[in-house]
Structure formats: C-alpha cells, structure tokens
C-alpha cells in the first residue's frame, strides 16, 4: 500500500497523475506546435523596454514548460522510461508546491481548453483557496479553515497563465496587506485560464454563491479584485450570476480591476492577424493551422469576450471584428479601474497606446469610441500608475495605496 500524503500535500495533484497527464499530452503534441506557441508567448511576456532581441524562446519557469513539451514530443514513440526520464525533472520535486503550480498554471493558460477536453489530469479545476489550500464551501469547514474570518470578504482573481500563489510578488500580497490593515479576509481564486472567459464566469458565479451562503460570520462588505484576465472573469461571473437570479451579486459592494483588458489586448489581435495572413497564402496555409494551438482563453483576450454568445457557434480564428455583446458595469456596485503605463505622466502617444506593455490605457480604463461599449467608471475610480508594467500592478506601493483608499 502506498504511503498516504502528508496533510499539507493532500490538496495537490499526485505525482503519478502529473506524469500520466504529461504522457497523454505527448501523444498529441508536436515540437513544431511548442515552438510556435513559445514564440507567441515570448512576445506577450517580453514587455516593451526590457531590451534584448526576440529569439522565440522564453526563460524561467515558462521556458521550462515549453522545453518539457518539446522533450516529451521527441520520445512520444519511444519507451515509457525515456518519457518519464524527460518529464521527471520538470514535475518531480518541489519544496513547497509553488514551482509545480507555476508550471501547470502556465501550461493551462496556453493549452488549458485542450487539457480539459482530453481529460488530462493536468487541467486545473476551479477552486477558492486560502494559504495555498482549497476551501470546502460549507459553513463549519470555512470556520475551521479560516478562524480569522471577519465581516469583510475579499475575493482575488489572478490573470492568464497564473495562479493564486502569484499574488505574492517581491514580498507583497495585496490581499494579505489589506487583511492586516483594513480587516479584509482574503480568499483566492484558482482557475484554468485557458478556458473561455464565460465558462470560467459561470463556474465562478456558482462558487461565489456557495462561498457567500456559507461564510461563517455575517457579511458587512464584499469585494472582488481581479488582475488582468481575472477582471474579465469577475465581470462575466457578475453577469451570469445576475441573470441566473443568484443572491451574491446583490451582496457585492466593490469590484476593482488591475490592468484588465476590458476591450482586448492588441498583442493577441496581432497574433490573430498573423493567422489570417498566413491562411490566405496557399503555400503558408499549413503554418496558419499551427497558430490555432492558442487556448480559448487567449483568443478571448482579442476583444475582451465575456459571454457565451460572443463565441458559441463561431470560429474563434475566423476573420471578423469586435462582435461581442456590450456588458455595462453592474449597477449598485462601486467599480474601480487601475491601469499602468510604461511611460511617464503626460508622455508620448506611443507610450499611452502601449499602456503597461500588454494592455493599453483605454482598454484598462474601459474607454471605447462606441458609447454602448464604454465602461462608466467614475472619475474618482480611475487611476493610472506611471513607470510600471503589467505585473508591477501586483506589488507597487502606489497601487496598494490606491486599493487601500478605495477599500477602506
């Protein structure tokens, strides 16, 4: 009989499932697909102004993901021992689980819809968490897991290719800081960011219904903080929950966005046009098919899709403009948008268009030429941090100061 996992490891996917999932992925993946996806991901990850030539390769944990996929592919027709020998260095040993979480979250962001559709155990299920552990959404279980639970509930939703642990950056976590200074109780969402935003929105709406109903103390204030794609998932959940007649949307007081691409991200749109140009050239058409490995979550970022109606029955790689249904900010909720700009205040038009390197200022602040699509954030609920990039929104002192003002 196998030894039971220690208590702190019981919430993790067993290593055997990791390896089986990687083996299953190997049967369908190709080195060419991995190369193309990594090149796309490098352009998303390489923020303007960081220097260095693009070589189609990413570094750090993200690079390890692609290296593993390519390695697995090369031995897909070989022995199981050879396969496991290549996969083990990536998925074999973790000091605290954060490395495995980062690798799997990045992989889910790029291929998460495929992982789920193929029944791969590497697909990340949606959970609400605290201190890196999944919560059971029942009153007694929450009271035990969160003895410090108070009347102020804050739910934090991460962005593409990330997870709940990555709210901690350079020794700072907005949730933990707000707990210490303002008495909020932070609960962190983990989800498969490769799925359509609306699929995650429906799932989050149901999770929040259970969380609020089971909260162990009477709620006085309820807020959601979303970074990047997490903000889109939060808006989608609010829409889904309202239309389903759930109770929690009426309890929500504050909805705050950090660098959320409300009207899309141009880097994904650029990738889409590359697909179209290649697809229109007969000799290059086979390469266009390789580009379609991008997950549904990534292609939703082209225009900021929130609803099932925005994508059901449509080819997400087909030519077409922004045809999403307008979704206004929820009535009766204090909504705020925090954006970042790589340039200085009053900088050039180019700096304003670049925004934080991934999301332009207008998109992050909900501005749109079409009044039906524009998001009406009050002037005192819009804030721009200059001289910072997309990930700096997670730990810069100026950003936290603004969050503290709005949530105090």
Protein backbone atom coordinates (compact mmCIF):
# COMPACT_ATOMS: atom_id res chain seq x y z
CA UNK A 1 0.00 0.00 0.00
CA UNK A 2 1.29 3.44 -0.88
CA UNK A 3 2.05 5.80 1.97
CA UNK A 4 -0.61 8.50 2.48
CA UNK A 5 0.28 12.05 1.52
CA UNK A 6 1.19 14.36 4.40
CA UNK A 7 -1.62 16.79 5.32
CA UNK A 8 -0.04 19.76 3.56
CA UNK A 9 0.18 17.79 0.29
CA UNK A 10 -3.26 16.23 0.14
CA UNK A 11 -4.70 19.05 -1.94
CA UNK A 12 -2.06 18.62 -4.64
CA UNK A 13 -2.31 16.51 -7.74
CA UNK A 14 -0.38 13.25 -7.09
CA UNK A 15 2.89 12.99 -8.96
CA UNK A 16 1.66 9.91 -10.79
CA UNK A 17 -1.22 11.94 -12.22
CA UNK A 18 1.26 14.61 -13.28
CA UNK A 19 3.27 12.07 -15.20
CA UNK A 20 0.23 10.40 -16.75
CA UNK A 21 -1.02 13.81 -17.83
CA UNK A 22 2.29 14.70 -19.42
CA UNK A 23 2.40 11.33 -21.18
CA UNK A 24 -1.09 11.85 -22.55
CA UNK A 25 -0.18 15.30 -23.78
CA UNK A 26 2.83 13.81 -25.56
CA UNK A 27 0.68 11.61 -27.76
CA UNK A 28 -0.86 14.64 -29.49
CA UNK A 29 1.73 17.39 -29.18
CA UNK A 30 4.46 18.17 -31.71
CA UNK A 31 7.70 20.05 -31.33
CA UNK A 32 6.55 22.45 -34.06
CA UNK A 33 3.45 23.41 -32.09
CA UNK A 34 5.50 24.00 -28.97
CA UNK A 35 7.95 26.20 -30.87
CA UNK A 36 5.17 28.33 -32.33
CA UNK A 37 3.32 28.75 -29.04
CA UNK A 38 6.52 29.63 -27.21
CA UNK A 39 7.36 32.29 -29.79
CA UNK A 40 3.90 33.82 -29.30
CA UNK A 41 4.19 33.61 -25.52
CA UNK A 42 7.62 35.26 -25.59
CA UNK A 43 6.14 38.27 -27.35
CA UNK A 44 3.44 38.52 -24.71
CA UNK A 45 5.89 38.07 -21.84
CA UNK A 46 8.66 40.34 -23.20
CA UNK A 47 7.41 43.74 -22.13
CA UNK A 48 8.47 46.73 -24.24
CA UNK A 49 11.54 48.46 -22.95
CA UNK A 50 13.08 45.40 -21.31
CA UNK A 51 15.68 45.06 -24.03
CA UNK A 52 17.06 42.03 -25.79
CA UNK A 53 16.29 40.55 -29.18
CA UNK A 54 13.37 38.17 -29.66
CA UNK A 55 14.66 34.66 -30.29
CA UNK A 56 11.43 32.66 -29.96
CA UNK A 57 12.44 31.24 -26.58
CA UNK A 58 11.13 32.13 -23.12
CA UNK A 59 13.07 31.87 -19.91
CA UNK A 60 12.46 30.74 -16.35
CA UNK A 61 9.51 28.55 -15.49
CA UNK A 62 7.67 29.37 -18.73
CA UNK A 63 10.67 28.25 -20.76
CA UNK A 64 10.74 25.02 -18.78
CA UNK A 65 7.13 24.34 -19.79
CA UNK A 66 7.95 24.51 -23.49
CA UNK A 67 11.22 22.63 -23.11
CA UNK A 68 9.30 19.84 -21.42
CA UNK A 69 6.65 19.70 -24.16
CA UNK A 70 9.33 19.51 -26.87
CA UNK A 71 11.26 16.87 -24.98
CA UNK A 72 8.17 14.76 -24.41
CA UNK A 73 7.29 15.03 -28.10
CA UNK A 74 10.65 13.72 -29.24
CA UNK A 75 10.23 10.49 -27.31
CA UNK A 76 6.50 10.02 -27.84
CA UNK A 77 7.20 6.93 -29.93
CA UNK A 78 9.88 5.64 -27.58
CA UNK A 79 9.90 3.83 -24.27
CA UNK A 80 7.92 4.90 -21.23
CA UNK A 81 11.13 5.03 -19.19
CA UNK A 82 12.63 7.54 -21.62
CA UNK A 83 9.46 9.63 -21.49
CA UNK A 84 9.35 9.72 -17.71
CA UNK A 85 13.05 10.47 -17.62
CA UNK A 86 12.48 13.70 -19.54
CA UNK A 87 9.34 14.73 -17.68
CA UNK A 88 10.58 13.97 -14.15
CA UNK A 89 12.98 16.95 -13.89
CA UNK A 90 10.06 19.31 -14.51
CA UNK A 91 7.45 17.61 -12.35
CA UNK A 92 9.47 15.55 -9.92
CA UNK A 93 10.34 17.53 -6.82
CA UNK A 94 9.02 20.73 -5.23
CA UNK A 95 9.99 22.35 -1.99
CA UNK A 96 6.61 23.99 -1.33
CA UNK A 97 4.45 23.24 -4.36
CA UNK A 98 4.77 26.74 -5.83
CA UNK A 99 7.06 25.65 -8.69
CA UNK A 100 4.71 22.90 -9.83
CA UNK A 101 1.76 25.29 -9.55
CA UNK A 102 3.51 27.88 -11.71
CA UNK A 103 4.44 25.34 -14.39
CA UNK A 104 0.98 23.79 -14.54
CA UNK A 105 -0.75 27.19 -14.49
CA UNK A 106 1.35 28.42 -17.41
CA UNK A 107 0.59 25.24 -19.33
CA UNK A 108 -3.13 25.65 -18.61
CA UNK A 109 -3.07 29.22 -19.87
CA UNK A 110 -1.65 28.12 -23.22
CA UNK A 111 -3.41 24.74 -23.66
CA UNK A 112 -5.98 24.59 -20.87
CA UNK A 113 -9.03 24.05 -23.08
CA UNK A 114 -7.29 21.12 -24.77
CA UNK A 115 -6.22 19.64 -21.43
CA UNK A 116 -9.79 19.72 -20.15
CA UNK A 117 -11.36 18.40 -23.36
CA UNK A 118 -8.92 15.50 -23.48
CA UNK A 119 -9.46 14.58 -19.83
CA UNK A 120 -5.87 15.37 -18.96
CA UNK A 121 -5.22 15.42 -15.17
CA UNK A 122 -3.03 18.49 -15.64
CA UNK A 123 -6.18 20.56 -16.30
CA UNK A 124 -6.66 22.89 -13.31
CA UNK A 125 -10.08 22.72 -11.61
CA UNK A 126 -11.62 25.94 -10.30
CA UNK A 127 -11.26 26.31 -6.53
CA UNK A 128 -11.40 29.06 -3.92
CA UNK A 129 -8.35 28.93 -1.69
CA UNK A 130 -6.60 30.29 1.36
CA UNK A 131 -2.90 29.91 2.16
CA UNK A 132 -2.45 27.71 -0.90
CA UNK A 133 -5.12 25.20 0.15
CA UNK A 134 -8.53 24.62 -1.43
CA UNK A 135 -11.50 25.57 0.73
CA UNK A 136 -14.58 23.43 1.32
CA UNK A 137 -17.52 25.78 0.82
CA UNK A 138 -19.52 24.71 3.88
CA UNK A 139 -20.01 26.86 6.96
CA UNK A 140 -18.30 24.60 9.51
CA UNK A 141 -15.42 23.82 7.16
CA UNK A 142 -14.86 27.53 6.43
CA UNK A 143 -14.96 28.38 10.13
CA UNK A 144 -12.26 25.78 10.75
CA UNK A 145 -10.08 26.73 7.77
CA UNK A 146 -10.49 30.49 8.34
CA UNK A 147 -10.63 31.08 12.11
CA UNK A 148 -9.80 34.74 11.42
CA UNK A 149 -12.78 35.15 9.04
CA UNK A 150 -14.35 38.56 9.52
CA UNK A 151 -17.26 40.57 8.14
CA UNK A 152 -15.24 41.88 5.18
CA UNK A 153 -14.74 39.30 2.40
CA UNK A 154 -12.27 39.95 -0.44
CA UNK A 155 -12.02 37.53 -3.38
CA UNK A 156 -8.93 37.88 -5.58
CA UNK A 157 -8.84 36.52 -9.17
CA UNK A 158 -5.49 36.07 -10.95
CA UNK A 159 -4.67 36.55 -14.63
CA UNK A 160 -3.68 34.42 -17.63
CA UNK A 161 -1.13 31.63 -17.01
CA UNK A 162 -1.02 32.46 -13.31
CA UNK A 163 -2.42 31.09 -10.04
CA UNK A 164 -3.42 32.18 -6.56
CA UNK A 165 0.11 31.91 -5.15
CA UNK A 166 1.35 34.54 -7.58
CA UNK A 167 -0.48 37.37 -5.89
CA UNK A 168 2.65 37.24 -3.71
CA UNK A 169 5.30 39.26 -5.57
CA UNK A 170 8.50 40.71 -4.19
CA UNK A 171 7.32 40.02 -0.67
CA UNK A 172 3.96 41.77 -1.09
CA UNK A 173 0.43 40.41 -1.45
CA UNK A 174 -2.43 42.91 -1.79
CA UNK A 175 -4.82 40.50 -0.06
CA UNK A 176 -2.59 39.89 2.93
CA UNK A 177 -1.80 43.60 3.27
CA UNK A 178 -5.48 44.58 3.14
CA UNK A 179 -6.22 41.93 5.74
CA UNK A 180 -3.62 43.32 8.11
CA UNK A 181 -4.52 46.99 7.73
CA UNK A 182 -8.24 47.03 6.95
CA UNK A 183 -9.60 43.76 8.31
CA UNK A 184 -10.46 42.12 5.00
CA UNK A 185 -10.43 38.32 4.84
CA UNK A 186 -8.80 37.35 1.51
CA UNK A 187 -9.94 34.29 -0.45
CA UNK A 188 -8.07 33.49 -3.65
CA UNK A 189 -9.50 32.05 -6.86
CA UNK A 190 -7.57 29.44 -8.86
CA UNK A 191 -8.87 28.54 -12.32
CA UNK A 192 -7.90 27.17 -15.74
CA UNK A 193 -7.13 30.37 -17.63
CA UNK A 194 -7.07 28.56 -20.98
CA UNK A 195 -10.86 28.13 -20.95
CA UNK A 196 -13.27 30.63 -22.42
CA UNK A 197 -13.80 33.55 -20.02
CA UNK A 198 -17.55 32.90 -19.98
CA UNK A 199 -17.06 29.25 -18.96
CA UNK A 200 -14.97 30.41 -16.02
CA UNK A 201 -17.54 33.15 -15.36
CA UNK A 202 -20.39 30.67 -14.99
CA UNK A 203 -18.27 28.49 -12.69
CA UNK A 204 -17.16 31.43 -10.54
CA UNK A 205 -20.75 32.64 -10.19
CA UNK A 206 -21.70 29.29 -8.65
CA UNK A 207 -18.61 29.18 -6.42
CA UNK A 208 -19.30 32.66 -5.05
CA UNK A 209 -22.92 31.75 -4.36
CA UNK A 210 -21.75 28.87 -2.18
CA UNK A 211 -19.00 30.93 -0.54
CA UNK A 212 -21.24 33.82 0.47
CA UNK A 213 -24.01 31.49 1.69
CA UNK A 214 -21.54 29.54 3.85
CA UNK A 215 -19.48 32.49 5.16
CA UNK A 216 -19.12 31.79 8.89
CA UNK A 217 -19.85 35.33 10.13
CA UNK A 218 -22.41 37.94 8.98
CA UNK A 219 -21.08 39.86 5.97
CA UNK A 220 -20.85 43.63 6.16
CA UNK A 221 -18.84 44.18 2.97
CA UNK A 222 -17.96 42.02 -0.02
CA UNK A 223 -15.42 42.90 -2.73
CA UNK A 224 -13.77 41.27 -5.73
CA UNK A 225 -10.32 42.25 -7.00
CA UNK A 226 -9.31 41.00 -10.46
CA UNK A 227 -5.90 41.23 -12.10
CA UNK A 228 -5.80 41.15 -15.92
CA UNK A 229 -7.97 38.26 -17.22
CA UNK A 230 -9.23 37.79 -13.65
CA UNK A 231 -11.17 41.04 -14.04
CA UNK A 232 -12.89 39.73 -17.17
CA UNK A 233 -13.80 36.51 -15.35
CA UNK A 234 -15.24 38.58 -12.47
CA UNK A 235 -17.38 40.69 -14.85
CA UNK A 236 -18.56 37.55 -16.62
CA UNK A 237 -19.45 35.95 -13.28
CA UNK A 238 -21.40 39.03 -12.22
CA UNK A 239 -23.41 38.95 -15.45
CA UNK A 240 -24.02 35.19 -15.19
CA UNK A 241 -24.96 35.36 -11.52
CA UNK A 242 -27.38 38.24 -12.05
CA UNK A 243 -29.15 36.53 -14.97
CA UNK A 244 -29.36 33.27 -13.00
CA UNK A 245 -31.02 35.05 -10.09
CA UNK A 246 -28.24 34.20 -7.64
CA UNK A 247 -28.01 36.03 -4.34
CA UNK A 248 -24.36 37.07 -4.21
CA UNK A 249 -24.44 39.77 -6.95
CA UNK A 250 -26.82 41.79 -4.74
CA UNK A 251 -24.33 41.50 -1.87
CA UNK A 252 -21.31 42.71 -3.85
CA UNK A 253 -20.13 46.17 -2.78
CA UNK A 254 -16.84 46.70 -4.63
CA UNK A 255 -15.38 45.46 -7.92
CA UNK A 256 -11.80 46.57 -8.63
CA UNK A 257 -9.74 45.82 -11.74
CA UNK A 258 -5.95 45.82 -12.09
CA UNK A 259 -4.80 46.07 -15.71
CA UNK A 260 -7.89 44.28 -17.04
CA UNK A 261 -8.19 44.29 -20.87
CA UNK A 262 -11.86 45.28 -20.92
CA UNK A 263 -11.67 45.95 -24.67
CA UNK A 264 -8.99 43.44 -25.51
CA UNK A 265 -5.23 43.23 -25.83
CA UNK A 266 -3.55 44.24 -29.12
CA UNK A 267 -0.87 41.57 -28.86
CA UNK A 268 -3.49 38.83 -29.19
CA UNK A 269 -5.09 40.72 -32.07
CA UNK A 270 -1.67 40.90 -33.76
CA UNK A 271 -1.34 37.14 -33.40
CA UNK A 272 -4.79 36.74 -34.94
CA UNK A 273 -3.85 38.79 -38.00
CA UNK A 274 -0.72 36.69 -38.49
CA UNK A 275 -3.03 33.66 -38.69
CA UNK A 276 -5.18 35.41 -41.31
CA UNK A 277 -2.24 36.48 -43.49
CA UNK A 278 -0.71 33.00 -43.44
CA UNK A 279 -4.07 31.37 -44.06
CA UNK A 280 -4.67 33.49 -47.16
CA UNK A 281 -1.38 32.37 -48.75
CA UNK A 282 -1.67 28.83 -50.19
CA UNK A 283 1.95 27.81 -49.56
CA UNK A 284 1.86 29.20 -46.00
CA UNK A 285 -1.58 27.86 -45.06
CA UNK A 286 -0.20 24.81 -43.19
CA UNK A 287 1.67 27.16 -40.84
CA UNK A 288 -1.53 29.07 -40.09
CA UNK A 289 -3.01 25.86 -38.66
CA UNK A 290 -0.15 25.74 -36.16
CA UNK A 291 -1.22 29.11 -34.77
CA UNK A 292 -4.55 27.65 -33.74
CA UNK A 293 -2.97 25.97 -30.77
CA UNK A 294 -3.66 29.12 -28.73
CA UNK A 295 -6.19 28.43 -26.00
CA UNK A 296 -9.73 29.77 -25.98
CA UNK A 297 -8.77 31.94 -23.03
CA UNK A 298 -6.02 33.63 -25.03
CA UNK A 299 -8.20 34.26 -28.08
CA UNK A 300 -10.92 35.71 -25.83
CA UNK A 301 -8.41 38.43 -24.98
CA UNK A 302 -8.51 39.67 -28.58
CA UNK A 303 -11.55 41.83 -27.80
CA UNK A 304 -12.30 41.00 -24.16
CA UNK A 305 -15.10 38.44 -24.63
CA UNK A 306 -17.32 37.88 -21.59
CA UNK A 307 -20.40 35.96 -22.71
CA UNK A 308 -21.24 32.60 -24.29
CA UNK A 309 -23.00 34.50 -27.08
CA UNK A 310 -19.68 36.10 -28.02
CA UNK A 311 -18.16 32.81 -29.16
CA UNK A 312 -20.68 29.93 -29.33
CA UNK A 313 -21.18 28.81 -32.94
CA UNK A 314 -18.29 30.94 -34.20
CA UNK A 315 -14.83 30.01 -35.38
CA UNK A 316 -12.62 31.86 -32.92
CA UNK A 317 -9.87 32.08 -35.55
CA UNK A 318 -12.13 33.35 -38.36
CA UNK A 319 -11.87 36.82 -39.84
CA UNK A 320 -14.14 39.31 -38.13
CA UNK A 321 -14.24 42.41 -36.00
CA UNK A 322 -15.45 43.04 -32.48
CA UNK A 323 -18.91 41.45 -32.30
CA UNK A 324 -19.21 40.98 -28.55
CA UNK A 325 -22.36 41.92 -26.67
CA UNK A 326 -21.98 45.12 -24.58
CA UNK A 327 -21.83 44.40 -20.84
CA UNK A 328 -22.02 47.54 -18.69
CA UNK A 329 -20.60 47.82 -15.22
CA UNK A 330 -23.02 46.41 -12.63
CA UNK A 331 -25.43 48.88 -11.12
CA UNK A 332 -25.13 49.50 -7.40
CA UNK A 333 -21.52 48.30 -7.20
CA UNK A 334 -18.55 50.61 -6.61
CA UNK A 335 -16.35 49.74 -9.60
CA UNK A 336 -12.79 50.99 -9.99
CA UNK A 337 -10.10 50.58 -12.66
CA UNK A 338 -6.37 50.75 -12.04
CA UNK A 339 -4.15 50.88 -15.13
CA UNK A 340 -0.41 51.11 -15.65
CA UNK A 341 1.74 52.91 -18.20
CA UNK A 342 5.36 52.21 -19.08
CA UNK A 343 5.84 55.87 -19.86
CA UNK A 344 5.84 58.97 -17.72
CA UNK A 345 2.76 61.03 -16.97
CA UNK A 346 1.97 63.21 -19.97
CA UNK A 347 4.19 61.00 -22.13
CA UNK A 348 4.05 60.33 -25.85
CA UNK A 349 1.10 58.88 -27.75
CA UNK A 350 3.15 55.69 -28.27
CA UNK A 351 3.55 55.27 -24.51
CA UNK A 352 -0.18 55.78 -23.98
CA UNK A 353 -1.02 53.21 -26.63
CA UNK A 354 1.40 50.68 -25.14
CA UNK A 355 -0.08 51.10 -21.69
CA UNK A 356 1.51 48.57 -19.36
CA UNK A 357 3.10 46.62 -22.23
CA UNK A 358 0.19 44.21 -22.57
CA UNK A 359 -2.97 46.27 -22.01
CA UNK A 360 -3.46 49.79 -23.45
CA UNK A 361 -4.68 52.51 -21.12
CA UNK A 362 -8.03 52.89 -22.88
CA UNK A 363 -8.72 49.16 -22.57
CA UNK A 364 -7.74 49.04 -18.89
CA UNK A 365 -9.87 52.11 -18.12
CA UNK A 366 -12.86 50.88 -20.12
CA UNK A 367 -12.79 53.70 -22.66
CA UNK A 368 -14.33 53.00 -26.06
CA UNK A 369 -15.42 55.05 -29.06
CA UNK A 370 -18.78 53.25 -29.00
CA UNK A 371 -20.78 54.65 -26.04
CA UNK A 372 -22.60 51.32 -25.68
CA UNK A 373 -19.29 49.55 -25.03
CA UNK A 374 -17.63 52.21 -22.88
CA UNK A 375 -17.49 51.40 -19.17
CA UNK A 376 -18.61 54.28 -17.00
CA UNK A 377 -16.01 54.26 -14.24
CA UNK A 378 -16.45 57.39 -12.11
CA UNK A 379 -13.53 59.82 -12.46
CA UNK A 380 -12.51 59.23 -8.85
CA UNK A 381 -12.47 55.48 -9.51
CA UNK A 382 -9.90 55.61 -12.28
CA UNK A 383 -6.19 55.63 -11.53
CA UNK A 384 -3.05 55.27 -13.65
CA UNK A 385 0.34 54.25 -12.32
CA UNK A 386 3.17 55.57 -14.48
CA UNK A 387 6.55 53.96 -15.00
CA UNK A 388 5.27 50.46 -14.29
CA UNK A 389 4.34 47.36 -16.26
CA UNK A 390 1.53 44.82 -16.15
CA UNK A 391 2.99 42.71 -13.36
CA UNK A 392 4.09 45.72 -11.31
CA UNK A 393 0.40 46.21 -10.55
CA UNK A 394 0.71 43.27 -8.15
CA UNK A 395 3.24 44.81 -5.78
CA UNK A 396 3.88 48.51 -6.33
CA UNK A 397 3.30 50.62 -3.22
CA UNK A 398 1.38 53.26 -5.19
CA UNK A 399 -1.10 50.64 -6.43
CA UNK A 400 -1.63 49.28 -2.94
CA UNK A 401 -2.18 52.80 -1.60
CA UNK A 402 -4.99 53.31 -4.13
CA UNK A 403 -6.57 49.96 -3.28
CA UNK A 404 -6.38 50.83 0.39
CA UNK A 405 -8.13 54.16 -0.24
CA UNK A 406 -10.95 52.59 -2.23
CA UNK A 407 -11.45 49.63 0.14
CA UNK A 408 -11.03 51.43 3.45
